[in-house]
């Protein structure tokens, strides 16, 4: 594990940090089932190293909210 995407590397976020950030988003901020489900899907894609630019944007927004 480590850097899994060039865009995340630019944002200085590792795979482990991305999963941690989105997990905290689920626990602290996500207030409905749809938000939690989408965040869980992002975590799955991050774990499988199959994330998209949209996922990276979501992770960065989560980091800013926390």
Protein backbone atom coordinates (compact mmCIF):
# COMPACT_ATOMS: atom_id res chain seq x y z
CA UNK A 1 0.00 0.00 0.00
CA UNK A 2 1.03 3.59 -0.43
CA UNK A 3 0.50 6.04 -3.24
CA UNK A 4 -2.03 4.55 -5.61
CA UNK A 5 -2.90 7.51 -7.79
CA UNK A 6 -0.91 10.38 -9.20
CA UNK A 7 -3.59 12.89 -8.17
CA UNK A 8 -3.54 11.65 -4.58
CA UNK A 9 0.22 11.75 -4.61
CA UNK A 10 -0.04 15.41 -5.64
CA UNK A 11 -2.39 15.93 -2.71
CA UNK A 12 0.09 14.04 -0.51
CA UNK A 13 -2.46 11.43 0.56
CA UNK A 14 -1.57 7.74 0.81
CA UNK A 15 -4.00 4.88 0.32
CA UNK A 16 -4.14 4.29 4.08
CA UNK A 17 -4.83 7.96 4.76
CA UNK A 18 -7.56 8.06 2.11
CA UNK A 19 -9.34 5.12 3.71
CA UNK A 20 -8.96 6.69 7.16
CA UNK A 21 -10.33 10.05 5.95
CA UNK A 22 -13.40 8.52 4.31
CA UNK A 23 -14.04 6.25 7.30
CA UNK A 24 -14.03 9.29 9.57
CA UNK A 25 -16.39 11.05 7.16
CA UNK A 26 -18.81 8.13 7.47
CA UNK A 27 -18.62 8.17 11.27
CA UNK A 28 -18.76 11.93 11.84
CA UNK A 29 -20.43 13.71 8.94
CA UNK A 30 -22.45 11.40 6.68
CA UNK A 31 -26.02 11.74 7.85
CA UNK A 32 -27.99 9.54 5.49
CA UNK A 33 -27.74 6.07 4.05
CA UNK A 34 -26.94 7.26 0.51
CA UNK A 35 -23.92 9.29 1.71
CA UNK A 36 -22.63 6.39 3.78
CA UNK A 37 -23.13 3.94 0.91
CA UNK A 38 -21.26 6.16 -1.56
CA UNK A 39 -18.40 6.64 0.91
CA UNK A 40 -18.21 2.87 1.42
CA UNK A 41 -18.01 2.41 -2.36
CA UNK A 42 -15.16 4.94 -2.50
CA UNK A 43 -13.31 3.01 0.23
CA UNK A 44 -13.76 -0.21 -1.75
CA UNK A 45 -12.40 1.37 -4.94
CA UNK A 46 -9.47 2.89 -3.03
CA UNK A 47 -8.68 -0.48 -1.47
CA UNK A 48 -8.81 -2.14 -4.89
CA UNK A 49 -6.65 0.65 -6.36
CA UNK A 50 -9.43 1.38 -8.86
CA UNK A 51 -10.32 4.93 -7.84
CA UNK A 52 -11.42 7.63 -10.25
CA UNK A 53 -10.83 11.36 -10.33
CA UNK A 54 -14.31 11.77 -8.85
CA UNK A 55 -13.28 9.56 -5.90
CA UNK A 56 -10.14 11.61 -5.34
CA UNK A 57 -12.15 14.83 -5.35
CA UNK A 58 -14.50 13.27 -2.80
CA UNK A 59 -11.58 12.25 -0.55
CA UNK A 60 -10.11 15.74 -0.71
CA UNK A 61 -13.50 17.29 0.16
CA UNK A 62 -13.84 14.88 3.09
CA UNK A 63 -10.39 15.84 4.34
CA UNK A 64 -11.34 19.53 4.23
CA UNK A 65 -14.57 18.86 6.18
CA UNK A 66 -12.84 16.96 8.97
